[in-house]
Amino acid sequence: MARSLRTRRGGPRLRAVALTGIDGSGKTTQAHRLAEALTAAGRPATYHRNAGGRRWLGRLAHRLGRPDAQRLVGRNAMLAVESVLRWLAIALALLSCLVTGRTAVMDRYSACQYASIRAHGGQRWERLARAGYRIFPAPQVTFLLAVDPAEAYRRIERRGTDHESMRWLTAAATAYRTLPEYPTFVVVDAGGSPDEVSRRIRAHLTEWLPTDDDRPASAGPPPGGADPPPAGGGTPERIDPLPAQARP
């Protein structure tokens, strides 16, 4: 487990944070939640889904009577397409972050591509991918949402939008643990409820997200609780947070 990132306030701006992990680990749910939490805390953030197109290729394969994307286009072609599409998505996300000054919350990052390549047994492609992805700076925080492959499989089956085999999920989980970047990841137990996982993620971002201990006694309950009534009675004034933006 990587160390918590608890530090004093007033540190550097949070430019980018990435959420990685196998399919079914809850990356998309937690990335959306984190972007909203940062924005509500006064640190405008944008969600970016850095997909590689593998799910789309899998759906196309099924329509054409093939079991999966690899059987449709071949392993090498699939890894090449996935690497290029994810590279483009990350580049656009980082450019948007640079132009707007918003925090980029990355749903997948370069480590996801390296793990995908390893899980498919394409080590030669990993060297090429690393050469191309080297221009991207490492996010200030990279979370690895760790979940048992069997639980991930059950989640994927429940959502019913795609399918992954236990063999693939197990290989992907192993691939993440063997990456040279693994010691730098903040490993979060993602086996609990979405609320539990969100709390674990926030506990590692206290430099940028307030905690209950940081709130003055007069500030009232934390976000999500009831607002204290105004001194003169009547309806309390509502202050809406800045909206979190999303990019596909």
Protein backbone atom coordinates (compact mmCIF):
# COMPACT_ATOMS: atom_id res chain seq x y z
CA MET A 1 0.00 0.00 0.00
CA ALA A 2 1.44 3.34 -1.01
CA ARG A 3 1.75 6.02 1.58
CA SER A 4 -1.08 8.47 2.16
CA LEU A 5 -0.58 11.83 0.53
CA ARG A 6 -1.55 13.81 3.58
CA THR A 7 0.45 17.03 3.55
CA ARG A 8 0.01 20.59 4.64
CA ARG A 9 -2.32 22.89 2.76
CA GLY A 10 -1.03 25.40 0.27
CA GLY A 11 0.95 22.88 -1.79
CA PRO A 12 1.08 22.67 -5.57
CA ARG A 13 -2.05 22.72 -7.71
CA LEU A 14 -3.47 19.29 -8.47
CA ARG A 15 -3.03 19.08 -12.23
CA ALA A 16 -3.93 15.45 -12.87
CA VAL A 17 -4.99 12.36 -10.96
CA ALA A 18 -5.45 8.95 -12.59
CA LEU A 19 -7.57 5.95 -11.64
CA THR A 20 -6.40 2.59 -12.94
CA GLY A 21 -7.37 -1.04 -12.41
CA ILE A 22 -8.97 -4.02 -14.09
CA ASP A 23 -12.39 -3.85 -15.71
CA GLY A 24 -15.07 -3.94 -13.02
CA SER A 25 -12.90 -2.25 -10.40
CA GLY A 26 -15.05 0.90 -10.41
CA LYS A 27 -12.71 3.33 -12.19
CA THR A 28 -15.44 5.20 -14.05
CA THR A 29 -17.72 5.57 -11.02
CA GLN A 30 -14.92 6.80 -8.78
CA ALA A 31 -13.43 9.13 -11.41
CA HIS A 32 -16.81 10.85 -11.83
CA ARG A 33 -17.22 11.12 -8.07
CA LEU A 34 -13.73 12.52 -7.60
CA ALA A 35 -14.20 15.18 -10.29
CA GLU A 36 -17.42 16.26 -8.59
CA ALA A 37 -15.82 16.30 -5.12
CA LEU A 38 -12.86 18.39 -6.27
CA THR A 39 -15.15 20.85 -8.03
CA ALA A 40 -17.41 21.15 -4.98
CA ALA A 41 -14.29 21.87 -2.89
CA GLY A 42 -13.44 24.82 -5.13
CA ARG A 43 -10.89 23.02 -7.29
CA PRO A 44 -12.62 22.76 -10.70
CA ALA A 45 -12.03 19.35 -12.25
CA THR A 46 -12.92 17.60 -15.50
CA TYR A 47 -13.54 13.89 -15.97
CA HIS A 48 -11.71 12.30 -18.92
CA ARG A 49 -12.44 8.78 -20.12
CA ASN A 50 -9.23 7.65 -21.78
CA ALA A 51 -10.62 4.56 -23.45
CA GLY A 52 -8.66 2.51 -25.95
CA GLY A 53 -11.61 1.28 -27.99
CA ARG A 54 -11.34 -2.36 -26.91
CA ARG A 55 -14.94 -2.50 -25.71
CA TRP A 56 -16.17 -0.99 -28.98
CA LEU A 57 -14.10 -3.47 -30.98
CA GLY A 58 -15.51 -6.28 -28.86
CA ARG A 59 -19.07 -5.24 -29.63
CA LEU A 60 -18.24 -5.02 -33.32
CA ALA A 61 -16.72 -8.50 -33.17
CA HIS A 62 -19.89 -9.92 -31.64
CA ARG A 63 -22.04 -8.35 -34.35
CA LEU A 64 -19.82 -9.97 -36.95
CA GLY A 65 -20.00 -13.35 -35.28
CA ARG A 66 -16.53 -13.31 -33.68
CA PRO A 67 -16.03 -14.05 -29.96
CA ASP A 68 -13.85 -11.01 -29.22
CA ALA A 69 -11.83 -8.16 -30.75
CA GLN A 70 -8.64 -10.18 -30.88
CA ARG A 71 -10.31 -12.82 -33.04
CA LEU A 72 -11.66 -10.07 -35.29
CA VAL A 73 -8.54 -8.06 -36.10
CA GLY A 74 -5.71 -10.08 -34.55
CA ARG A 75 -3.74 -9.42 -31.38
CA ASN A 76 -1.15 -7.11 -32.89
CA ALA A 77 -3.68 -4.95 -34.72
CA MET A 78 -5.88 -4.72 -31.62
CA LEU A 79 -2.96 -3.63 -29.42
CA ALA A 80 -1.84 -1.08 -32.02
CA VAL A 81 -5.33 0.44 -32.35
CA GLU A 82 -5.83 0.47 -28.59
CA SER A 83 -2.45 2.11 -27.97
CA VAL A 84 -3.04 4.85 -30.55
CA LEU A 85 -6.60 5.65 -29.42
CA ARG A 86 -5.61 5.83 -25.76
CA TRP A 87 -2.59 7.99 -26.62
CA LEU A 88 -4.83 10.45 -28.43
CA ALA A 89 -7.35 10.52 -25.57
CA ILE A 90 -4.66 11.22 -22.96
CA ALA A 91 -3.07 13.91 -25.14
CA LEU A 92 -6.41 15.71 -25.52
CA ALA A 93 -7.10 15.44 -21.78
CA LEU A 94 -3.72 16.94 -20.86
CA LEU A 95 -4.11 19.71 -23.42
CA SER A 96 -7.53 20.56 -22.01
CA CYS A 97 -6.06 20.65 -18.51
CA LEU A 98 -3.31 23.00 -19.68
CA VAL A 99 -5.69 25.37 -21.47
CA THR A 100 -8.48 25.52 -18.89
CA GLY A 101 -6.46 25.19 -15.70
CA ARG A 102 -8.91 22.56 -14.43
CA THR A 103 -7.75 19.37 -12.76
CA ALA A 104 -7.82 16.40 -15.11
CA VAL A 105 -9.36 13.33 -13.48
CA MET A 106 -8.21 10.47 -15.69
CA ASP A 107 -10.34 7.36 -16.02
CA ARG A 108 -7.40 5.18 -17.19
CA TYR A 109 -3.90 6.35 -18.05
CA SER A 110 -0.74 4.99 -19.67
CA ALA A 111 -0.35 2.25 -17.02
CA CYS A 112 -3.65 0.78 -18.22
CA GLN A 113 -2.19 0.36 -21.69
CA TYR A 114 0.96 -1.27 -20.40
CA ALA A 115 -1.11 -3.68 -18.29
CA SER A 116 -3.37 -4.49 -21.24
CA ILE A 117 -0.37 -5.27 -23.42
CA ARG A 118 1.15 -7.52 -20.74
CA ALA A 119 -2.12 -9.33 -20.17
CA HIS A 120 -2.30 -10.05 -23.91
CA GLY A 121 1.29 -11.30 -23.98
CA GLY A 122 2.52 -8.56 -26.29
CA GLN A 123 5.74 -7.55 -24.56
CA ARG A 124 7.23 -6.25 -27.81
CA TRP A 125 4.35 -3.82 -28.09
CA GLU A 126 4.95 -2.60 -24.54
CA ARG A 127 8.38 -1.25 -25.51
CA LEU A 128 6.84 0.64 -28.41
CA ALA A 129 3.98 1.95 -26.30
CA ARG A 130 6.34 3.19 -23.60
CA ALA A 131 8.38 5.04 -26.23
CA GLY A 132 5.26 6.82 -27.44
CA TYR A 133 3.72 7.50 -24.03
CA ARG A 134 6.99 8.79 -22.56
CA ILE A 135 6.07 12.37 -23.44
CA PHE A 136 3.17 12.33 -20.97
CA PRO A 137 3.95 13.51 -17.42
CA ALA A 138 3.04 11.19 -14.60
CA PRO A 139 -0.11 12.28 -12.74
CA GLN A 140 0.56 13.66 -9.28
CA VAL A 141 -1.47 10.77 -7.91
CA THR A 142 -2.21 7.43 -9.58
CA PHE A 143 -4.74 5.22 -7.82
CA LEU A 144 -4.87 1.49 -8.49
CA LEU A 145 -8.32 0.19 -7.57
CA ALA A 146 -7.64 -3.34 -6.41
CA VAL A 147 -10.50 -5.83 -6.55
CA ASP A 148 -10.71 -9.60 -6.67
CA PRO A 149 -11.17 -10.74 -10.31
CA ALA A 150 -14.17 -12.84 -9.27
CA GLU A 151 -15.90 -9.76 -7.82
CA ALA A 152 -14.97 -7.74 -10.92
CA TYR A 153 -16.49 -10.47 -13.09
CA ARG A 154 -19.76 -10.35 -11.11
CA ARG A 155 -19.94 -6.56 -11.47
CA ILE A 156 -19.38 -6.72 -15.23
CA GLU A 157 -22.08 -9.36 -15.61
CA ARG A 158 -24.53 -7.28 -13.55
CA ARG A 159 -24.07 -4.16 -15.65
CA GLY A 160 -24.73 -6.24 -18.76
CA THR A 161 -23.09 -3.93 -21.28
CA ASP A 162 -20.06 -6.09 -22.05
CA HIS A 163 -18.35 -9.30 -21.02
CA GLU A 164 -14.89 -10.23 -19.79
CA SER A 165 -13.53 -13.68 -19.06
CA MET A 166 -12.10 -14.66 -15.68
CA ARG A 167 -8.90 -15.60 -17.46
CA TRP A 168 -8.51 -12.07 -18.85
CA LEU A 169 -9.37 -10.36 -15.56
CA THR A 170 -6.89 -12.51 -13.65
CA ALA A 171 -4.16 -11.84 -16.22
CA ALA A 172 -4.87 -8.09 -16.10
CA ALA A 173 -4.70 -8.03 -12.28
CA THR A 174 -1.34 -9.79 -12.40
CA ALA A 175 -0.12 -7.39 -15.10
CA TYR A 176 -0.79 -4.34 -12.93
CA ARG A 177 1.13 -5.84 -10.02
CA THR A 178 4.16 -6.55 -12.18
CA LEU A 179 4.45 -3.09 -13.75
CA PRO A 180 7.60 -1.17 -12.78
CA GLU A 181 5.31 1.75 -11.84
CA TYR A 182 3.45 -0.37 -9.27
CA PRO A 183 5.43 0.90 -6.22
CA THR A 184 4.35 4.46 -7.06
CA PHE A 185 0.63 3.62 -7.13
CA VAL A 186 -1.74 4.38 -4.27
CA VAL A 187 -3.39 0.98 -3.97
CA VAL A 188 -7.00 1.28 -2.82
CA ASP A 189 -9.17 -1.65 -1.77
CA ALA A 190 -12.07 -1.38 -4.24
CA GLY A 191 -13.97 -4.40 -2.97
CA GLY A 192 -16.41 -2.41 -0.85
CA SER A 193 -19.37 -0.20 -1.70
CA PRO A 194 -18.84 2.87 -3.92
CA ASP A 195 -19.17 5.14 -0.87
CA GLU A 196 -16.50 3.20 1.02
CA VAL A 197 -14.12 3.33 -1.95
CA SER A 198 -14.75 7.07 -2.37
CA ARG A 199 -13.82 7.68 1.28
CA ARG A 200 -10.60 5.69 0.85
CA ILE A 201 -9.64 7.73 -2.20
CA ARG A 202 -10.41 11.04 -0.51
CA ALA A 203 -8.31 10.02 2.50
CA HIS A 204 -5.25 10.14 0.22
CA LEU A 205 -6.07 13.58 -1.20
CA THR A 206 -6.36 15.66 1.94
CA GLU A 207 -3.95 18.22 0.49
CA TRP A 208 -6.66 19.17 -1.99
CA LEU A 209 -9.91 17.92 -0.44
CA PRO A 210 -11.19 19.13 2.94
CA THR A 211 -11.99 16.65 5.69
CA ASP A 212 -14.42 16.97 8.57
CA ASP A 213 -11.47 17.86 10.83
CA ASP A 214 -10.63 20.81 8.58
CA ARG A 215 -14.08 22.40 8.90
CA PRO A 216 -14.47 25.12 11.53
CA ALA A 217 -17.06 24.42 14.21
CA SER A 218 -19.30 27.17 12.83
CA ALA A 219 -19.28 25.71 9.33
CA GLY A 220 -22.11 23.28 10.04
CA PRO A 221 -22.37 19.71 8.77
CA PRO A 222 -20.24 18.45 5.86
CA PRO A 223 -21.56 18.57 2.27
CA GLY A 224 -24.60 16.35 1.91
CA GLY A 225 -25.97 17.17 5.37
CA ALA A 226 -28.67 19.67 6.24
CA ASP A 227 -27.74 23.35 6.27
CA PRO A 228 -28.17 25.16 9.60
CA PRO A 229 -31.13 27.56 9.62
CA PRO A 230 -30.34 31.27 9.28
CA ALA A 231 -30.37 33.39 12.41
CA GLY A 232 -33.45 35.31 11.35
CA GLY A 233 -35.46 32.27 10.32
CA GLY A 234 -36.71 31.52 6.85
CA THR A 235 -35.13 29.45 4.14
CA PRO A 236 -31.33 29.14 4.18
CA GLU A 237 -29.50 30.47 1.19
CA ARG A 238 -28.28 27.71 -1.13
CA ILE A 239 -24.81 27.97 -2.62
CA ASP A 240 -24.37 25.64 -5.59
CA PRO A 241 -20.87 24.28 -6.30
CA LEU A 242 -19.20 24.75 -9.64
CA PRO A 243 -20.24 21.96 -12.01
CA ALA A 244 -17.75 19.23 -12.80
CA GLN A 245 -17.21 18.94 -16.51
CA ALA A 246 -16.80 15.73 -18.46
CA ARG A 247 -14.92 14.95 -21.61
CA PRO A 248 -15.47 11.70 -23.54
